[in-house]
Amino acid sequence: MYDGTLSTISNRQSWSDCVELRDNDTRELIDISTATQIAVQIAPLQSVDIGGYGDASYGGSALLTASLTNGKVQHVQTGIFQFAFTKDDMRMLGGGVYNVEIAIEKDGETESLILGTVPVREGVVTI
């Protein structure tokens, strides 16, 4: 699982990306054709006080979801899928940092592929 920060995106443009899944040992693409679900979710990054020990971050409910079910995730080829959020989807996000998780459900198991954050810049273009 990748744990970290994704590249900055704008809330005034569509956002699509391809994700490659490779075997750690052989580096071959993993067959995901039998995946029953692939989902990309963006949720607010929130902070809570944990009893004098500082703040901990957690995610609230998803603001945006791309999935096989809603058609915003597509298999591209063996081991590669693409997700896409429209410009209208992205405008729902204000500038800030959000939690992002990408997960796959295959063979009855759910696995998180990416669990991290994505910075969203407040765009200025109005087209």
Protein backbone atom coordinates (compact mmCIF):
# COMPACT_ATOMS: atom_id res chain seq x y z
CA MET A 1 0.00 0.00 0.00
CA TYR A 2 1.20 3.49 -0.85
CA ASP A 3 1.02 5.85 2.11
CA GLY A 4 1.81 9.48 1.42
CA THR A 5 0.81 12.64 -0.39
CA LEU A 6 -0.39 12.68 -3.99
CA SER A 7 0.40 15.53 -6.39
CA THR A 8 -1.51 18.78 -5.95
CA ILE A 9 -4.70 19.16 -8.00
CA SER A 10 -6.99 22.10 -8.78
CA ASN A 11 -10.67 22.31 -7.95
CA ARG A 12 -11.28 24.05 -11.32
CA GLN A 13 -10.32 21.15 -13.56
CA SER A 14 -11.23 17.53 -14.08
CA TRP A 15 -8.93 14.99 -12.42
CA SER A 16 -8.20 11.63 -13.93
CA ASP A 17 -5.31 9.28 -13.45
CA CYS A 18 -4.27 5.72 -14.21
CA VAL A 19 -3.14 3.32 -11.49
CA GLU A 20 -0.87 0.36 -12.28
CA LEU A 21 -0.88 -2.69 -10.03
CA ARG A 22 2.32 -4.76 -10.16
CA ASP A 23 3.50 -7.82 -8.27
CA ASN A 24 6.18 -6.73 -5.78
CA ASP A 25 8.45 -9.66 -6.63
CA THR A 26 8.05 -10.17 -10.38
CA ARG A 27 7.01 -6.58 -11.30
CA GLU A 28 4.38 -8.11 -13.64
CA LEU A 29 0.98 -6.44 -13.94
CA ILE A 30 -1.67 -8.03 -11.71
CA ASP A 31 -4.87 -9.26 -13.35
CA ILE A 32 -7.74 -7.17 -11.96
CA SER A 33 -10.37 -8.25 -14.48
CA THR A 34 -12.28 -10.13 -11.77
CA ALA A 35 -12.38 -7.17 -9.35
CA THR A 36 -15.93 -6.66 -8.14
CA GLN A 37 -15.21 -3.11 -7.02
CA ILE A 38 -12.51 -0.50 -7.34
CA ALA A 39 -13.15 2.78 -5.54
CA VAL A 40 -11.43 6.13 -5.15
CA GLN A 41 -12.79 8.30 -2.35
CA ILE A 42 -11.92 11.80 -1.21
CA ALA A 43 -12.93 12.84 2.30
CA PRO A 44 -12.27 15.86 4.50
CA LEU A 45 -9.15 15.84 6.62
CA GLN A 46 -10.28 16.61 10.13
CA SER A 47 -8.40 17.04 13.35
CA VAL A 48 -9.48 15.90 16.80
CA ASP A 49 -7.91 16.45 20.21
CA ILE A 50 -6.81 13.12 21.69
CA GLY A 51 -6.81 14.01 25.37
CA GLY A 52 -3.80 16.28 25.71
CA TYR A 53 -1.61 14.14 23.45
CA GLY A 54 -2.02 16.43 20.45
CA ASP A 55 -4.22 16.18 17.42
CA ALA A 56 -5.00 13.14 15.31
CA SER A 57 -6.31 13.33 11.77
CA TYR A 58 -9.21 11.26 10.53
CA GLY A 59 -11.51 11.35 7.58
CA GLY A 60 -15.13 12.28 7.57
CA SER A 61 -17.67 10.97 5.09
CA ALA A 62 -16.58 10.79 1.46
CA LEU A 63 -17.22 13.95 -0.55
CA LEU A 64 -16.36 12.37 -3.91
CA THR A 65 -16.42 8.74 -5.03
CA ALA A 66 -15.29 7.19 -8.28
CA SER A 67 -16.04 3.47 -8.61
CA LEU A 68 -16.73 0.67 -11.04
CA THR A 69 -20.36 0.91 -9.92
CA ASN A 70 -20.83 4.58 -10.83
CA GLY A 71 -18.77 4.28 -14.02
CA LYS A 72 -16.03 6.70 -12.94
CA VAL A 73 -13.49 3.85 -12.75
CA GLN A 74 -12.66 1.81 -15.84
CA HIS A 75 -10.37 -1.16 -16.49
CA VAL A 76 -7.83 0.01 -19.07
CA GLN A 77 -5.89 -3.23 -19.49
CA THR A 78 -4.44 -6.00 -17.35
CA GLY A 79 -3.31 -4.44 -14.07
CA ILE A 80 -4.27 -0.88 -15.01
CA PHE A 81 -7.39 1.11 -14.19
CA GLN A 82 -8.33 4.74 -14.64
CA PHE A 83 -10.45 6.96 -12.42
CA ALA A 84 -12.01 10.26 -13.40
CA PHE A 85 -13.68 13.13 -11.57
CA THR A 86 -15.33 15.82 -13.70
CA LYS A 87 -14.69 19.54 -13.31
CA ASP A 88 -18.15 19.79 -11.66
CA ASP A 89 -17.17 17.04 -9.20
CA MET A 90 -13.95 18.83 -8.32
CA ARG A 91 -15.71 22.15 -7.72
CA MET A 92 -17.36 20.55 -4.68
CA LEU A 93 -13.96 20.73 -2.97
CA GLY A 94 -12.65 23.92 -1.45
CA GLY A 95 -8.93 24.59 -1.29
CA GLY A 96 -7.20 22.47 1.36
CA VAL A 97 -5.84 19.01 2.08
CA TYR A 98 -8.11 15.95 1.85
CA ASN A 99 -7.84 12.27 2.70
CA VAL A 100 -7.79 10.01 -0.34
CA GLU A 101 -8.13 6.23 -0.44
CA ILE A 102 -8.08 3.86 -3.38
CA ALA A 103 -9.24 0.32 -2.67
CA ILE A 104 -9.99 -2.81 -4.67
CA GLU A 105 -12.33 -5.69 -3.89
CA LYS A 106 -11.27 -8.94 -5.53
CA ASP A 107 -11.83 -12.60 -4.63
CA GLY A 108 -13.89 -11.57 -1.59
CA GLU A 109 -11.08 -9.47 -0.11
CA THR A 110 -10.79 -5.68 0.12
CA GLU A 111 -7.33 -4.13 -0.06
CA SER A 112 -6.33 -0.49 0.26
CA LEU A 113 -3.91 0.43 -2.52
CA ILE A 114 -3.39 4.07 -1.63
CA LEU A 115 -4.15 5.72 1.68
CA GLY A 116 -2.93 9.26 1.98
CA THR A 117 -3.67 12.89 1.34
CA VAL A 118 -4.15 15.08 -1.71
CA PRO A 119 -3.68 18.86 -1.66
CA VAL A 120 -6.39 20.74 -3.57
CA ARG A 121 -5.65 24.28 -4.70
CA GLU A 122 -8.41 26.84 -5.09
CA GLY A 123 -8.36 27.40 -8.84
CA VAL A 124 -8.95 30.74 -10.53
CA VAL A 125 -9.98 29.77 -14.08
CA THR A 126 -13.72 30.07 -14.64
CA ILE A 127 -14.13 28.38 -18.04
